[in-house]
Amino acid sequence: MELDLVLDTSRKGIALGIYDAGKPLCEHFEPETRGENLGNTLDSVLERAKVSLDDIKRVMVTLGPGSFTGLRTGIAFCEGLCFSGKRSLYGISTLKALRSLSSDENVAVVLYARTGFFYVGTQTGEFFIPVEEAVQKFEDLHIRSFVADPRSAEEELLKSFVQKENAELLVSEGNEIAPFCKFFAELKPSIVQSANYIQPSYYERRGAQGVIR
């Protein structure tokens, strides 16, 4: 068998799934963990899917922005799975991955960064940006479709914009990862992945002025 594994630890908890040509064989979501027991979790998911680790040939992991601990744990775990060369490793921006949840090409992904700031992904790029500037960008880009995490969805300025424009808002709880499989066909595999650590409290790319590079 040639199966795919998708792991997202960049948001709330962990979401892990095993897929056969995009079809879910088993999915697992733990909203209150950062992946401390990923090995045991994977063993459980493999058992439930009635497959073995040798059946996994491609692994995709989200690269953030998001939780520092979650990203570090998830990426290191997936690199370990692929170190032997038995399977290929793919990394994808969390913002880009979440765009796959909408059928609108002009969708904006909005994730909570810290008080007064969003992580935003659009067709034009990915940004760490104040909420007020984000809403202005949505207006300028004529965005009328959003994918947002629960905390961002409750931000008053975003709620007001969505209501005013009668826009579509999909609230992502963190477990919707099956659509990410489409990116296996678009991305190139790499042995090593690098996280997007862009939250100001632990900037690793100083001077970036909020833009993911």
Protein backbone atom coordinates (compact mmCIF):
# COMPACT_ATOMS: atom_id res chain seq x y z
CA MET A 1 0.00 0.00 0.00
CA GLU A 2 1.05 3.60 -0.58
CA LEU A 3 -0.66 5.81 1.97
CA ASP A 4 -0.32 9.43 3.10
CA LEU A 5 -0.05 10.86 6.60
CA VAL A 6 -1.03 14.45 7.39
CA LEU A 7 -0.16 16.13 10.71
CA ASP A 8 -1.12 19.59 11.96
CA THR A 9 0.26 20.70 15.32
CA SER A 10 0.39 24.41 14.53
CA ARG A 11 -3.04 25.25 15.92
CA LYS A 12 -5.11 24.04 18.86
CA GLY A 13 -4.03 20.54 19.75
CA ILE A 14 -3.02 18.00 17.12
CA ALA A 15 -4.83 16.64 14.10
CA LEU A 16 -3.46 13.50 12.45
CA GLY A 17 -4.89 11.48 9.60
CA ILE A 18 -4.01 8.58 7.30
CA TYR A 19 -5.32 8.76 3.75
CA ASP A 20 -5.51 6.59 0.67
CA ALA A 21 -5.52 8.89 -2.38
CA GLY A 22 -7.21 11.55 -0.27
CA LYS A 23 -9.77 9.19 1.24
CA PRO A 24 -9.60 9.07 5.07
CA LEU A 25 -8.73 5.70 6.57
CA CYS A 26 -8.48 7.07 10.10
CA GLU A 27 -8.38 10.57 11.60
CA HIS A 28 -7.55 11.63 15.14
CA PHE A 29 -7.97 15.02 16.85
CA GLU A 30 -6.77 15.95 20.35
CA PRO A 31 -7.62 19.62 21.05
CA GLU A 32 -5.87 19.79 24.43
CA THR A 33 -2.38 18.53 23.61
CA ARG A 34 0.70 19.77 21.75
CA GLY A 35 1.88 16.39 20.56
CA GLU A 36 3.77 15.20 23.62
CA ASN A 37 2.75 11.62 22.85
CA LEU A 38 2.76 11.65 19.07
CA GLY A 39 4.43 8.25 18.85
CA ASN A 40 1.67 6.56 20.84
CA THR A 41 -0.97 8.53 18.93
CA LEU A 42 0.40 7.38 15.59
CA ASP A 43 0.54 3.78 16.77
CA SER A 44 -3.10 3.99 17.77
CA VAL A 45 -4.16 5.55 14.47
CA LEU A 46 -2.24 2.93 12.47
CA GLU A 47 -3.92 0.17 14.45
CA ARG A 48 -7.37 1.66 13.92
CA ALA A 49 -6.70 2.04 10.20
CA LYS A 50 -5.42 -1.56 10.08
CA VAL A 51 -2.21 -0.55 8.32
CA SER A 52 1.48 -0.40 9.26
CA LEU A 53 4.03 2.39 9.24
CA ASP A 54 5.66 0.77 6.20
CA ASP A 55 2.47 1.52 4.26
CA ILE A 56 3.01 5.26 4.74
CA LYS A 57 4.96 6.65 1.79
CA ARG A 58 4.29 10.41 2.05
CA VAL A 59 4.11 12.64 5.12
CA MET A 60 2.81 16.21 5.21
CA VAL A 61 3.27 18.56 8.19
CA THR A 62 2.07 22.11 8.68
CA LEU A 63 4.83 24.69 9.13
CA GLY A 64 2.89 27.47 10.84
CA PRO A 65 2.50 30.21 11.78
CA GLY A 66 1.23 28.96 15.08
CA SER A 67 2.24 27.39 18.37
CA PHE A 68 6.01 27.32 18.86
CA THR A 69 5.86 24.11 20.89
CA GLY A 70 3.41 22.47 18.53
CA LEU A 71 5.40 23.34 15.43
CA ARG A 72 8.72 22.21 16.89
CA THR A 73 7.24 18.92 18.06
CA GLY A 74 5.29 18.16 14.89
CA ILE A 75 8.05 18.99 12.44
CA ALA A 76 10.71 17.07 14.38
CA PHE A 77 8.41 14.06 14.62
CA CYS A 78 7.73 14.01 10.88
CA GLU A 79 11.39 14.51 10.03
CA GLY A 80 12.10 11.47 12.17
CA LEU A 81 9.51 9.42 10.30
CA CYS A 82 11.16 10.31 6.99
CA PHE A 83 14.82 10.16 8.04
CA SER A 84 15.27 6.58 6.84
CA GLY A 85 14.29 7.55 3.31
CA LYS A 86 11.39 5.11 3.26
CA ARG A 87 8.90 7.96 2.89
CA SER A 88 8.90 11.51 1.52
CA LEU A 89 8.38 14.62 3.68
CA TYR A 90 6.28 17.61 2.61
CA GLY A 91 5.83 20.88 4.49
CA ILE A 92 3.10 23.42 3.94
CA SER A 93 2.20 26.80 5.40
CA THR A 94 -0.76 26.47 7.73
CA LEU A 95 -2.36 29.49 6.07
CA LYS A 96 -2.02 27.97 2.61
CA ALA A 97 -3.28 24.60 3.81
CA LEU A 98 -6.41 26.15 5.30
CA ARG A 99 -7.25 27.87 2.02
CA SER A 100 -8.17 24.39 0.77
CA LEU A 101 -11.21 24.41 3.08
CA SER A 102 -12.95 26.91 0.80
CA SER A 103 -13.91 26.64 -2.86
CA ASP A 104 -13.43 30.40 -3.29
CA GLU A 105 -10.02 31.19 -4.80
CA ASN A 106 -10.15 34.65 -3.23
CA VAL A 107 -10.64 33.31 0.29
CA ALA A 108 -8.74 34.82 3.21
CA VAL A 109 -7.49 32.67 6.08
CA VAL A 110 -7.47 34.47 9.43
CA LEU A 111 -5.75 33.09 12.53
CA TYR A 112 -5.36 34.73 15.94
CA ALA A 113 -1.75 35.82 16.54
CA ARG A 114 -1.94 37.93 19.71
CA THR A 115 -4.12 40.74 21.03
CA GLY A 116 -4.84 43.13 18.16
CA PHE A 117 -3.04 41.07 15.51
CA PHE A 118 -3.96 38.42 12.95
CA TYR A 119 -2.05 36.00 10.80
CA VAL A 120 -3.63 36.40 7.36
CA GLY A 121 -3.24 34.36 4.19
CA THR A 122 -4.62 35.57 0.87
CA GLN A 123 -3.88 35.11 -2.82
CA THR A 124 -1.37 37.97 -2.54
CA GLY A 125 0.69 36.62 0.35
CA GLU A 126 0.89 35.82 4.05
CA PHE A 127 1.04 38.49 6.74
CA PHE A 128 1.31 39.21 10.44
CA ILE A 129 -0.86 42.30 10.60
CA PRO A 130 -2.90 44.50 12.98
CA VAL A 131 -6.61 43.71 12.95
CA GLU A 132 -7.54 47.14 11.56
CA GLU A 133 -5.11 46.80 8.65
CA ALA A 134 -6.32 43.28 8.00
CA VAL A 135 -9.92 44.43 7.62
CA GLN A 136 -8.81 47.21 5.27
CA LYS A 137 -6.90 44.65 3.22
CA PHE A 138 -10.03 42.50 2.97
CA GLU A 139 -11.90 45.52 1.64
CA ASP A 140 -9.17 46.40 -0.85
CA LEU A 141 -8.96 42.82 -2.15
CA HIS A 142 -12.75 42.44 -2.31
CA ILE A 143 -12.62 39.36 -0.12
CA ARG A 144 -16.02 37.93 0.72
CA SER A 145 -15.02 34.47 1.93
CA PHE A 146 -13.09 33.63 5.09
CA VAL A 147 -11.67 30.65 6.95
CA ALA A 148 -10.95 31.60 10.55
CA ASP A 149 -10.14 29.97 13.85
CA PRO A 150 -12.76 30.38 16.62
CA ARG A 151 -10.90 33.18 18.41
CA SER A 152 -10.44 35.27 15.26
CA ALA A 153 -14.04 34.67 14.24
CA GLU A 154 -15.15 36.43 17.44
CA GLU A 155 -13.05 39.56 16.77
CA GLU A 156 -15.58 42.39 16.54
CA LEU A 157 -14.03 44.16 13.54
CA LEU A 158 -13.97 40.95 11.51
CA LYS A 159 -17.51 40.04 12.58
CA SER A 160 -18.75 43.48 11.57
CA PHE A 161 -17.05 43.26 8.17
CA VAL A 162 -18.51 39.80 7.52
CA GLN A 163 -21.99 41.00 8.43
CA LYS A 164 -21.73 44.23 6.43
CA GLU A 165 -20.54 42.46 3.28
CA ASN A 166 -22.74 39.38 3.80
CA ALA A 167 -19.53 37.39 3.48
CA GLU A 168 -19.08 33.66 4.01
CA LEU A 169 -17.28 32.68 7.22
CA LEU A 170 -16.10 29.13 7.86
CA VAL A 171 -14.91 28.58 11.42
CA SER A 172 -12.19 25.92 11.54
CA GLU A 173 -12.05 24.00 14.80
CA GLY A 174 -8.67 22.43 13.97
CA ASN A 175 -9.58 18.93 12.83
CA GLU A 176 -10.29 19.53 9.14
CA ILE A 177 -7.12 18.27 7.48
CA ALA A 178 -8.29 15.85 4.77
CA PRO A 179 -8.40 18.64 2.13
CA PHE A 180 -4.67 19.24 2.73
CA CYS A 181 -3.96 16.06 0.73
CA LYS A 182 -4.44 17.99 -2.51
CA PHE A 183 -1.11 19.71 -1.90
CA PHE A 184 0.90 16.51 -2.26
CA ALA A 185 0.54 17.02 -6.01
CA GLU A 186 1.68 20.65 -5.85
CA LEU A 187 4.62 20.56 -3.45
CA LYS A 188 8.12 19.17 -3.70
CA PRO A 189 9.36 16.86 -0.93
CA SER A 190 12.30 17.82 1.26
CA ILE A 191 14.21 15.97 3.97
CA VAL A 192 14.20 19.04 6.25
CA GLN A 193 11.36 21.48 6.94
CA SER A 194 11.60 24.94 8.48
CA ALA A 195 8.84 26.44 10.61
CA ASN A 196 7.42 29.93 10.24
CA TYR A 197 8.08 31.41 13.70
CA ILE A 198 6.65 34.88 13.20
CA GLN A 199 4.83 35.70 16.44
CA PRO A 200 6.54 38.75 17.99
CA SER A 201 7.04 37.08 21.37
CA TYR A 202 9.55 34.74 19.78
CA TYR A 203 10.60 36.41 16.55
CA GLU A 204 13.30 34.41 14.83
CA ARG A 205 13.29 36.57 11.71
CA ARG A 206 13.84 40.05 13.03
CA GLY A 207 13.10 42.90 10.70
CA ALA A 208 10.50 40.90 8.80
CA GLN A 209 7.85 43.50 9.73
CA GLY A 210 5.24 40.79 9.95
CA VAL A 211 5.70 39.27 6.51
CA ILE A 212 6.42 35.57 6.22
CA ARG A 213 9.35 35.10 3.87
